[in-house]
Amino acid sequence: MMNLKEKCGIKSSYQLIIILIVFTVNGSLSVFLAKPVLGLINIHKETTHPLIFWPIRIVLIFVIYQITLVIVGTLFGQKEFFWNMEKKMLKRLGLGRIIK
């Protein structure tokens, strides 16, 4: 069975650690940035019905995550890895034409 490093094309344990740190930082950053973005479009937890607020927040977090993943990955020196990952994700979502 192929291990994670071979499957993802990761060259060293150091690179794997950096990639895991990027995922951690980016996930937290996406959740953190969602609140002010929701505020900009005047959607607040206290004044919006939960069946409207939470789906909008989850979709927004997903979009922010995709945008910031390559940025954070680049800051950690892993642009190529995360850009390739992002291209695969966009293709799976049927948005491959965006990157052409």
PDB file of N, CA and C in Angstrom:
ATOM      1  N   MET A   1       0.845  -1.182   0.000  1.00  0.00           N
ATOM      2  CA  MET A   1       0.000   0.000   0.000  1.00  0.00           C
ATOM      3  C   MET A   1       0.888   1.243   0.000  1.00  0.00           C
ATOM      4  N   MET A   2       0.504   2.214  -0.813  1.00  0.00           N
ATOM      5  CA  MET A   2       1.283   3.446  -0.957  1.00  0.00           C
ATOM      6  C   MET A   2       1.044   4.345   0.258  1.00  0.00           C
ATOM      7  N   ASN A   3       2.126   4.887   0.816  1.00  0.00           N
ATOM      8  CA  ASN A   3       1.929   5.761   1.967  1.00  0.00           C
ATOM      9  C   ASN A   3       1.563   7.175   1.517  1.00  0.00           C
ATOM     10  N   LEU A   4       1.173   8.000   2.466  1.00  0.00           N
ATOM     11  CA  LEU A   4       0.682   9.350   2.184  1.00  0.00           C
ATOM     12  C   LEU A   4       1.700  10.204   1.442  1.00  0.00           C
ATOM     13  N   LYS A   5       2.950  10.146   1.840  1.00  0.00           N
ATOM     14  CA  LYS A   5       3.976  10.966   1.188  1.00  0.00           C
ATOM     15  C   LYS A   5       4.125  10.594  -0.282  1.00  0.00           C
ATOM     16  N   GLU A   6       4.144   9.313  -0.590  1.00  0.00           N
ATOM     17  CA  GLU A   6       4.272   8.884  -1.986  1.00  0.00           C
ATOM     18  C   GLU A   6       3.040   9.275  -2.792  1.00  0.00           C
ATOM     19  N   LYS A   7       1.868   9.060  -2.231  1.00  0.00           N
ATOM     20  CA  LYS A   7       0.617   9.352  -2.930  1.00  0.00           C
ATOM     21  C   LYS A   7       0.492  10.835  -3.288  1.00  0.00           C
ATOM     22  N   CYS A   8       0.923  11.703  -2.386  1.00  0.00           N
ATOM     23  CA  CYS A   8       0.787  13.147  -2.592  1.00  0.00           C
ATOM     24  C   CYS A   8       2.022  13.793  -3.205  1.00  0.00           C
ATOM     25  N   GLY A   9       3.060  13.018  -3.456  1.00  0.00           N
ATOM     26  CA  GLY A   9       4.276  13.573  -4.042  1.00  0.00           C
ATOM     27  C   GLY A   9       5.084  14.416  -3.068  1.00  0.00           C
ATOM     28  N   ILE A  10       4.989  14.092  -1.802  1.00  0.00           N
ATOM     29  CA  ILE A  10       5.719  14.833  -0.776  1.00  0.00           C
ATOM     30  C   ILE A  10       7.116  14.226  -0.661  1.00  0.00           C
ATOM     31  N   LYS A  11       8.122  15.085  -0.696  1.00  0.00           N
ATOM     32  CA  LYS A  11       9.508  14.622  -0.781  1.00  0.00           C
ATOM     33  C   LYS A  11      10.168  14.311   0.564  1.00  0.00           C
ATOM     34  N   SER A  12       9.668  14.907   1.649  1.00  0.00           N
ATOM     35  CA  SER A  12      10.330  14.694   2.943  1.00  0.00           C
ATOM     36  C   SER A  12       9.333  14.814   4.082  1.00  0.00           C
ATOM     37  N   SER A  13       9.747  14.340   5.226  1.00  0.00           N
ATOM     38  CA  SER A  13       8.911  14.470   6.420  1.00  0.00           C
ATOM     39  C   SER A  13       8.771  15.943   6.815  1.00  0.00           C
ATOM     40  N   TYR A  14       9.817  16.719   6.589  1.00  0.00           N
ATOM     41  CA  TYR A  14       9.769  18.156   6.865  1.00  0.00           C
ATOM     42  C   TYR A  14       8.673  18.817   6.021  1.00  0.00           C
ATOM     43  N   GLN A  15       8.616  18.485   4.736  1.00  0.00           N
ATOM     44  CA  GLN A  15       7.593  19.055   3.861  1.00  0.00           C
ATOM     45  C   GLN A  15       6.205  18.640   4.329  1.00  0.00           C
ATOM     46  N   LEU A  16       6.050  17.395   4.762  1.00  0.00           N
ATOM     47  CA  LEU A  16       4.763  16.924   5.273  1.00  0.00           C
ATOM     48  C   LEU A  16       4.333  17.736   6.489  1.00  0.00           C
ATOM     49  N   ILE A  17       5.254  18.001   7.390  1.00  0.00           N
ATOM     50  CA  ILE A  17       4.934  18.790   8.583  1.00  0.00           C
ATOM     51  C   ILE A  17       4.498  20.202   8.189  1.00  0.00           C
ATOM     52  N   ILE A  18       5.220  20.804   7.252  1.00  0.00           N
ATOM     53  CA  ILE A  18       4.862  22.153   6.786  1.00  0.00           C
ATOM     54  C   ILE A  18       3.468  22.140   6.171  1.00  0.00           C
ATOM     55  N   ILE A  19       3.166  21.144   5.360  1.00  0.00           N
ATOM     56  CA  ILE A  19       1.853  21.042   4.714  1.00  0.00           C
ATOM     57  C   ILE A  19       0.747  20.896   5.763  1.00  0.00           C
ATOM     58  N   LEU A  20       0.967  20.088   6.776  1.00  0.00           N
ATOM     59  CA  LEU A  20      -0.028  19.927   7.837  1.00  0.00           C
ATOM     60  C   LEU A  20      -0.226  21.228   8.615  1.00  0.00           C
ATOM     61  N   ILE A  21       0.866  21.981   8.817  1.00  0.00           N
ATOM     62  CA  ILE A  21       0.753  23.282   9.475  1.00  0.00           C
ATOM     63  C   ILE A  21      -0.061  24.240   8.610  1.00  0.00           C
ATOM     64  N   VAL A  22       0.162  24.224   7.296  1.00  0.00           N
ATOM     65  CA  VAL A  22      -0.596  25.092   6.387  1.00  0.00           C
ATOM     66  C   VAL A  22      -2.088  24.776   6.480  1.00  0.00           C
ATOM     67  N   PHE A  23      -2.442  23.493   6.479  1.00  0.00           N
ATOM     68  CA  PHE A  23      -3.852  23.128   6.600  1.00  0.00           C
ATOM     69  C   PHE A  23      -4.446  23.645   7.910  1.00  0.00           C
ATOM     70  N   THR A  24      -3.702  23.540   8.983  1.00  0.00           N
ATOM     71  CA  THR A  24      -4.172  24.001  10.288  1.00  0.00           C
ATOM     72  C   THR A  24      -4.371  25.512  10.302  1.00  0.00           C
ATOM     73  N   VAL A  25      -3.357  26.234   9.860  1.00  0.00           N
ATOM     74  CA  VAL A  25      -3.427  27.701   9.846  1.00  0.00           C
ATOM     75  C   VAL A  25      -4.546  28.167   8.922  1.00  0.00           C
ATOM     76  N   ASN A  26      -4.641  27.559   7.756  1.00  0.00           N
ATOM     77  CA  ASN A  26      -5.633  27.997   6.783  1.00  0.00           C
ATOM     78  C   ASN A  26      -7.058  27.718   7.259  1.00  0.00           C
ATOM     79  N   GLY A  27      -7.278  26.592   7.897  1.00  0.00           N
ATOM     80  CA  GLY A  27      -8.608  26.295   8.427  1.00  0.00           C
ATOM     81  C   GLY A  27      -9.029  27.317   9.465  1.00  0.00           C
ATOM     82  N   SER A  28      -8.141  27.623  10.380  1.00  0.00           N
ATOM     83  CA  SER A  28      -8.441  28.620  11.415  1.00  0.00           C
ATOM     84  C   SER A  28      -8.643  30.003  10.806  1.00  0.00           C
ATOM     85  N   LEU A  29      -7.801  30.350   9.844  1.00  0.00           N
ATOM     86  CA  LEU A  29      -7.914  31.652   9.178  1.00  0.00           C
ATOM     87  C   LEU A  29      -9.248  31.792   8.453  1.00  0.00           C
ATOM     88  N   SER A  30      -9.690  30.744   7.804  1.00  0.00           N
ATOM     89  CA  SER A  30     -10.961  30.784   7.068  1.00  0.00           C
ATOM     90  C   SER A  30     -12.140  31.022   8.002  1.00  0.00           C
ATOM     91  N   VAL A  31     -12.150  30.325   9.114  1.00  0.00           N
ATOM     92  CA  VAL A  31     -13.219  30.516  10.094  1.00  0.00           C
ATOM     93  C   VAL A  31     -13.153  31.927  10.672  1.00  0.00           C
ATOM     94  N   PHE A  32     -11.953  32.401  10.971  1.00  0.00           N
ATOM     95  CA  PHE A  32     -11.763  33.740  11.519  1.00  0.00           C
ATOM     96  C   PHE A  32     -12.252  34.823  10.549  1.00  0.00           C
ATOM     97  N   LEU A  33     -11.937  34.682   9.260  1.00  0.00           N
ATOM     98  CA  LEU A  33     -12.295  35.700   8.267  1.00  0.00           C
ATOM     99  C   LEU A  33     -13.774  35.692   7.903  1.00  0.00           C
ATOM    100  N   ALA A  34     -14.466  34.591   8.143  1.00  0.00           N
ATOM    101  CA  ALA A  34     -15.873  34.498   7.756  1.00  0.00           C
ATOM    102  C   ALA A  34     -16.739  35.505   8.513  1.00  0.00           C
ATOM    103  N   LYS A  35     -16.449  35.729   9.795  1.00  0.00           N
ATOM    104  CA  LYS A  35     -17.286  36.635  10.588  1.00  0.00           C
ATOM    105  C   LYS A  35     -17.286  38.070  10.049  1.00  0.00           C
ATOM    106  N   PRO A  36     -16.117  38.681   9.805  1.00  0.00           N
ATOM    107  CA  PRO A  36     -16.167  40.047   9.271  1.00  0.00           C
ATOM    108  C   PRO A  36     -16.758  40.120   7.861  1.00  0.00           C
ATOM    109  N   VAL A  37     -16.565  39.081   7.066  1.00  0.00           N
ATOM    110  CA  VAL A  37     -17.160  39.087   5.718  1.00  0.00           C
ATOM    111  C   VAL A  37     -18.685  39.031   5.829  1.00  0.00           C
ATOM    112  N   LEU A  38     -19.194  38.191   6.718  1.00  0.00           N
ATOM    113  CA  LEU A  38     -20.643  38.151   6.943  1.00  0.00           C
ATOM    114  C   LEU A  38     -21.145  39.510   7.429  1.00  0.00           C
ATOM    115  N   GLY A  39     -20.370  40.156   8.296  1.00  0.00           N
ATOM    116  CA  GLY A  39     -20.740  41.487   8.773  1.00  0.00           C
ATOM    117  C   GLY A  39     -20.803  42.503   7.643  1.00  0.00           C
ATOM    118  N   LEU A  40     -19.881  42.388   6.689  1.00  0.00           N
ATOM    119  CA  LEU A  40     -19.882  43.306   5.541  1.00  0.00           C
ATOM    120  C   LEU A  40     -21.153  43.178   4.708  1.00  0.00           C
ATOM    121  N   ILE A  41     -21.689  41.966   4.634  1.00  0.00           N
ATOM    122  CA  ILE A  41     -22.925  41.773   3.858  1.00  0.00           C
ATOM    123  C   ILE A  41     -24.151  41.776   4.778  1.00  0.00           C
ATOM    124  N   ASN A  42     -23.937  42.278   6.009  1.00  0.00           N
ATOM    125  CA  ASN A  42     -25.000  42.495   6.983  1.00  0.00           C
ATOM    126  C   ASN A  42     -25.763  41.215   7.354  1.00  0.00           C
ATOM    127  N   ILE A  43     -25.032  40.135   7.549  1.00  0.00           N
ATOM    128  CA  ILE A  43     -25.617  38.886   8.030  1.00  0.00           C
ATOM    129  C   ILE A  43     -24.983  38.597   9.383  1.00  0.00           C
ATOM    130  N   HIS A  44     -25.813  38.620  10.417  1.00  0.00           N
ATOM    131  CA  HIS A  44     -25.336  38.439  11.785  1.00  0.00           C
ATOM    132  C   HIS A  44     -26.086  37.283  12.438  1.00  0.00           C
ATOM    133  N   LYS A  45     -25.386  36.534  13.263  1.00  0.00           N
ATOM    134  CA  LYS A  45     -25.971  35.368  13.927  1.00  0.00           C
ATOM    135  C   LYS A  45     -27.188  35.755  14.770  1.00  0.00           C
ATOM    136  N   GLU A  46     -27.112  36.908  15.394  1.00  0.00           N
ATOM    137  CA  GLU A  46     -28.179  37.342  16.292  1.00  0.00           C
ATOM    138  C   GLU A  46     -29.448  37.756  15.564  1.00  0.00           C
ATOM    139  N   THR A  47     -29.327  38.196  14.311  1.00  0.00           N
ATOM    140  CA  THR A  47     -30.491  38.737  13.597  1.00  0.00           C
ATOM    141  C   THR A  47     -30.924  37.894  12.399  1.00  0.00           C
ATOM    142  N   THR A  48     -30.229  36.822  12.114  1.00  0.00           N
ATOM    143  CA  THR A  48     -30.552  35.988  10.959  1.00  0.00           C
ATOM    144  C   THR A  48     -30.975  34.603  11.446  1.00  0.00           C
ATOM    145  N   HIS A  49     -32.005  34.080  10.839  1.00  0.00           N
ATOM    146  CA  HIS A  49     -32.491  32.752  11.217  1.00  0.00           C
ATOM    147  C   HIS A  49     -31.379  31.717  11.016  1.00  0.00           C
ATOM    148  N   PRO A  50     -31.238  30.778  11.967  1.00  0.00           N
ATOM    149  CA  PRO A  50     -30.160  29.785  11.866  1.00  0.00           C
ATOM    150  C   PRO A  50     -30.175  28.960  10.568  1.00  0.00           C
ATOM    151  N   LEU A  51     -31.341  28.699  10.013  1.00  0.00           N
ATOM    152  CA  LEU A  51     -31.411  27.940   8.763  1.00  0.00           C
ATOM    153  C   LEU A  51     -30.915  28.737   7.563  1.00  0.00           C
ATOM    154  N   ILE A  52     -30.782  30.022   7.736  1.00  0.00           N
ATOM    155  CA  ILE A  52     -30.204  30.874   6.690  1.00  0.00           C
ATOM    156  C   ILE A  52     -28.743  31.177   7.026  1.00  0.00           C
ATOM    157  N   PHE A  53     -28.489  31.534   8.281  1.00  0.00           N
ATOM    158  CA  PHE A  53     -27.154  31.952   8.694  1.00  0.00           C
ATOM    159  C   PHE A  53     -26.108  30.850   8.495  1.00  0.00           C
ATOM    160  N   TRP A  54     -26.357  29.651   9.025  1.00  0.00           N
ATOM    161  CA  TRP A  54     -25.339  28.602   9.015  1.00  0.00           C
ATOM    162  C   TRP A  54     -24.985  28.084   7.623  1.00  0.00           C
ATOM    163  N   PRO A  55     -25.948  27.843   6.737  1.00  0.00           N
ATOM    164  CA  PRO A  55     -25.539  27.439   5.373  1.00  0.00           C
ATOM    165  C   PRO A  55     -24.704  28.515   4.668  1.00  0.00           C
ATOM    166  N   ILE A  56     -25.084  29.781   4.854  1.00  0.00           N
ATOM    167  CA  ILE A  56     -24.315  30.872   4.240  1.00  0.00           C
ATOM    168  C   ILE A  56     -22.908  30.904   4.833  1.00  0.00           C
ATOM    169  N   ARG A  57     -22.793  30.764   6.143  1.00  0.00           N
ATOM    170  CA  ARG A  57     -21.480  30.785   6.790  1.00  0.00           C
ATOM    171  C   ARG A  57     -20.612  29.614   6.326  1.00  0.00           C
ATOM    172  N   ILE A  58     -21.191  28.432   6.233  1.00  0.00           N
ATOM    173  CA  ILE A  58     -20.424  27.256   5.812  1.00  0.00           C
ATOM    174  C   ILE A  58     -19.937  27.411   4.373  1.00  0.00           C
ATOM    175  N   VAL A  59     -20.790  27.876   3.485  1.00  0.00           N
ATOM    176  CA  VAL A  59     -20.373  28.093   2.093  1.00  0.00           C
ATOM    177  C   VAL A  59     -19.296  29.167   2.030  1.00  0.00           C
ATOM    178  N   LEU A  60     -19.458  30.226   2.798  1.00  0.00           N
ATOM    179  CA  LEU A  60     -18.469  31.301   2.818  1.00  0.00           C
ATOM    180  C   LEU A  60     -17.124  30.798   3.331  1.00  0.00           C
ATOM    181  N   ILE A  61     -17.125  30.003   4.390  1.00  0.00           N
ATOM    182  CA  ILE A  61     -15.884  29.437   4.910  1.00  0.00           C
ATOM    183  C   ILE A  61     -15.217  28.578   3.843  1.00  0.00           C
ATOM    184  N   PHE A  62     -16.000  27.779   3.124  1.00  0.00           N
ATOM    185  CA  PHE A  62     -15.448  26.933   2.064  1.00  0.00           C
ATOM    186  C   PHE A  62     -14.788  27.787   0.975  1.00  0.00           C
ATOM    187  N   VAL A  63     -15.452  28.845   0.554  1.00  0.00           N
ATOM    188  CA  VAL A  63     -14.906  29.724  -0.492  1.00  0.00           C
ATOM    189  C   VAL A  63     -13.637  30.423   0.001  1.00  0.00           C
ATOM    190  N   ILE A  64     -13.685  30.967   1.209  1.00  0.00           N
ATOM    191  CA  ILE A  64     -12.502  31.627   1.779  1.00  0.00           C
ATOM    192  C   ILE A  64     -11.350  30.635   1.886  1.00  0.00           C
ATOM    193  N   TYR A  65     -11.650  29.413   2.320  1.00  0.00           N
ATOM    194  CA  TYR A  65     -10.623  28.384   2.469  1.00  0.00           C
ATOM    195  C   TYR A  65      -9.921  28.133   1.135  1.00  0.00           C
ATOM    196  N   GLN A  66     -10.692  27.998   0.066  1.00  0.00           N
ATOM    197  CA  GLN A  66     -10.109  27.728  -1.242  1.00  0.00           C
ATOM    198  C   GLN A  66      -9.218  28.880  -1.706  1.00  0.00           C
ATOM    199  N   ILE A  67      -9.659  30.096  -1.446  1.00  0.00           N
ATOM    200  CA  ILE A  67      -8.891  31.273  -1.874  1.00  0.00           C
ATOM    201  C   ILE A  67      -7.602  31.409  -1.066  1.00  0.00           C
ATOM    202  N   THR A  68      -7.700  31.222   0.239  1.00  0.00           N
ATOM    203  CA  THR A  68      -6.537  31.452   1.092  1.00  0.00           C
ATOM    204  C   THR A  68      -5.568  30.275   1.128  1.00  0.00           C
ATOM    205  N   LEU A  69      -5.996  29.098   0.682  1.00  0.00           N
ATOM    206  CA  LEU A  69      -5.119  27.925   0.743  1.00  0.00           C
ATOM    207  C   LEU A  69      -3.826  28.146  -0.041  1.00  0.00           C
ATOM    208  N   VAL A  70      -3.936  28.634  -1.242  1.00  0.00           N
ATOM    209  CA  VAL A  70      -2.737  28.868  -2.055  1.00  0.00           C
ATOM    210  C   VAL A  70      -1.908  30.015  -1.468  1.00  0.00           C
ATOM    211  N   ILE A  71      -2.577  31.022  -0.934  1.00  0.00           N
ATOM    212  CA  ILE A  71      -1.855  32.158  -0.345  1.00  0.00           C
ATOM    213  C   ILE A  71      -1.049  31.708   0.873  1.00  0.00           C
ATOM    214  N   VAL A  72      -1.694  31.004   1.784  1.00  0.00           N
ATOM    215  CA  VAL A  72      -1.005  30.538   2.992  1.00  0.00           C
ATOM    216  C   VAL A  72       0.074  29.524   2.612  1.00  0.00           C
ATOM    217  N   GLY A  73      -0.248  28.631   1.671  1.00  0.00           N
ATOM    218  CA  GLY A  73       0.745  27.660   1.212  1.00  0.00           C
ATOM    219  C   GLY A  73       1.975  28.334   0.629  1.00  0.00           C
ATOM    220  N   THR A  74       1.770  29.404  -0.116  1.00  0.00           N
ATOM    221  CA  THR A  74       2.883  30.157  -0.691  1.00  0.00           C
ATOM    222  C   THR A  74       3.732  30.803   0.401  1.00  0.00           C
ATOM    223  N   LEU A  75       3.071  31.363   1.413  1.00  0.00           N
ATOM    224  CA  LEU A  75       3.805  31.980   2.521  1.00  0.00           C
ATOM    225  C   LEU A  75       4.691  30.966   3.245  1.00  0.00           C
ATOM    226  N   PHE A  76       4.280  29.698   3.234  1.00  0.00           N
ATOM    227  CA  PHE A  76       5.058  28.640   3.874  1.00  0.00           C
ATOM    228  C   PHE A  76       5.979  27.925   2.877  1.00  0.00           C
ATOM    229  N   GLY A  77       6.084  28.455   1.655  1.00  0.00           N
ATOM    230  CA  GLY A  77       7.007  27.894   0.675  1.00  0.00           C
ATOM    231  C   GLY A  77       6.508  26.645  -0.037  1.00  0.00           C
ATOM    232  N   GLN A  78       5.203  26.440  -0.065  1.00  0.00           N
ATOM    233  CA  GLN A  78       4.640  25.237  -0.674  1.00  0.00           C
ATOM    234  C   GLN A  78       3.623  25.577  -1.769  1.00  0.00           C
ATOM    235  N   LYS A  79       3.902  26.630  -2.526  1.00  0.00           N
ATOM    236  CA  LYS A  79       2.959  27.091  -3.549  1.00  0.00           C
ATOM    237  C   LYS A  79       2.634  25.997  -4.558  1.00  0.00           C
ATOM    238  N   GLU A  80       3.640  25.307  -5.063  1.00  0.00           N
ATOM    239  CA  GLU A  80       3.415  24.296  -6.098  1.00  0.00           C
ATOM    240  C   GLU A  80       2.479  23.191  -5.601  1.00  0.00           C
ATOM    241  N   PHE A  81       2.729  22.694  -4.412  1.00  0.00           N
ATOM    242  CA  PHE A  81       1.891  21.633  -3.845  1.00  0.00           C
ATOM    243  C   PHE A  81       0.439  22.082  -3.735  1.00  0.00           C
ATOM    244  N   PHE A  82       0.211  23.268  -3.162  1.00  0.00           N
ATOM    245  CA  PHE A  82      -1.158  23.721  -2.932  1.00  0.00           C
ATOM    246  C   PHE A  82      -1.827  24.217  -4.204  1.00  0.00           C
ATOM    247  N   TRP A  83      -1.073  24.757  -5.153  1.00  0.00           N
ATOM    248  CA  TRP A  83      -1.671  25.168  -6.413  1.00  0.00           C
ATOM    249  C   TRP A  83      -2.149  23.933  -7.179  1.00  0.00           C
ATOM    250  N   ASN A  84      -1.350  22.878  -7.187  1.00  0.00           N
ATOM    251  CA  ASN A  84      -1.778  21.630  -7.837  1.00  0.00           C
ATOM    252  C   ASN A  84      -3.004  21.049  -7.147  1.00  0.00           C
ATOM    253  N   MET A  85      -3.039  21.112  -5.834  1.00  0.00           N
ATOM    254  CA  MET A  85      -4.192  20.625  -5.088  1.00  0.00           C
ATOM    255  C   MET A  85      -5.438  21.441  -5.422  1.00  0.00           C
ATOM    256  N   GLU A  86      -5.263  22.746  -5.509  1.00  0.00           N
ATOM    257  CA  GLU A  86      -6.397  23.627  -5.815  1.00  0.00           C
ATOM    258  C   GLU A  86      -6.935  23.361  -7.216  1.00  0.00           C
ATOM    259  N   LYS A  87      -6.053  23.137  -8.173  1.00  0.00           N
ATOM    260  CA  LYS A  87      -6.497  22.827  -9.539  1.00  0.00           C
ATOM    261  C   LYS A  87      -7.321  21.548  -9.554  1.00  0.00           C
ATOM    262  N   LYS A  88      -6.877  20.529  -8.830  1.00  0.00           N
ATOM    263  CA  LYS A  88      -7.632  19.274  -8.753  1.00  0.00           C
ATOM    264  C   LYS A  88      -9.009  19.508  -8.131  1.00  0.00           C
ATOM    265  N   MET A  89      -9.044  20.302  -7.073  1.00  0.00           N
ATOM    266  CA  MET A  89     -10.311  20.579  -6.389  1.00  0.00           C
ATOM    267  C   MET A  89     -11.282  21.312  -7.307  1.00  0.00           C
ATOM    268  N   LEU A  90     -10.795  22.312  -8.016  1.00  0.00           N
ATOM    269  CA  LEU A  90     -11.662  23.062  -8.922  1.00  0.00           C
ATOM    270  C   LEU A  90     -12.192  22.173 -10.040  1.00  0.00           C
ATOM    271  N   LYS A  91     -11.360  21.293 -10.554  1.00  0.00           N
ATOM    272  CA  LYS A  91     -11.809  20.364 -11.596  1.00  0.00           C
ATOM    273  C   LYS A  91     -12.884  19.432 -11.064  1.00  0.00           C
ATOM    274  N   ARG A  92     -12.704  18.927  -9.842  1.00  0.00           N
ATOM    275  CA  ARG A  92     -13.706  18.023  -9.240  1.00  0.00           C
ATOM    276  C   ARG A  92     -15.023  18.727  -9.003  1.00  0.00           C
ATOM    277  N   LEU A  93     -14.975  20.031  -8.739  1.00  0.00           N
ATOM    278  CA  LEU A  93     -16.189  20.809  -8.524  1.00  0.00           C
ATOM    279  C   LEU A  93     -16.817  21.281  -9.840  1.00  0.00           C
ATOM    280  N   GLY A  94     -16.187  20.925 -10.958  1.00  0.00           N
ATOM    281  CA  GLY A  94     -16.687  21.342 -12.261  1.00  0.00           C
ATOM    282  C   GLY A  94     -16.327  22.769 -12.612  1.00  0.00           C
ATOM    283  N   LEU A  95     -15.333  23.317 -11.935  1.00  0.00           N
ATOM    284  CA  LEU A  95     -14.913  24.702 -12.176  1.00  0.00           C
ATOM    285  C   LEU A  95     -13.532  24.771 -12.801  1.00  0.00           C
ATOM    286  N   GLY A  96     -13.132  23.704 -13.466  1.00  0.00           N
ATOM    287  CA  GLY A  96     -11.803  23.636 -14.077  1.00  0.00           C
ATOM    288  C   GLY A  96     -11.560  24.724 -15.109  1.00  0.00           C
ATOM    289  N   ARG A  97     -12.617  25.221 -15.727  1.00  0.00           N
ATOM    290  CA  ARG A  97     -12.449  26.259 -16.759  1.00  0.00           C
ATOM    291  C   ARG A  97     -11.953  27.576 -16.169  1.00  0.00           C
ATOM    292  N   ILE A  98     -12.093  27.763 -14.856  1.00  0.00           N
ATOM    293  CA  ILE A  98     -11.625  28.983 -14.199  1.00  0.00           C
ATOM    294  C   ILE A  98     -10.109  29.103 -14.277  1.00  0.00           C
ATOM    295  N   ILE A  99      -9.407  27.987 -14.247  1.00  0.00           N
ATOM    296  CA  ILE A  99      -7.944  28.020 -14.189  1.00  0.00           C
ATOM    297  C   ILE A  99      -7.281  27.955 -15.556  1.00  0.00           C
ATOM    298  N   LYS A 100      -8.067  27.899 -16.601  1.00  0.00           N
ATOM    299  CA  LYS A 100      -7.468  27.833 -17.944  1.00  0.00           C
ATOM    300  C   LYS A 100      -7.084  29.189 -18.440  1.00  0.00           C
TER     301      LYS A 100
END
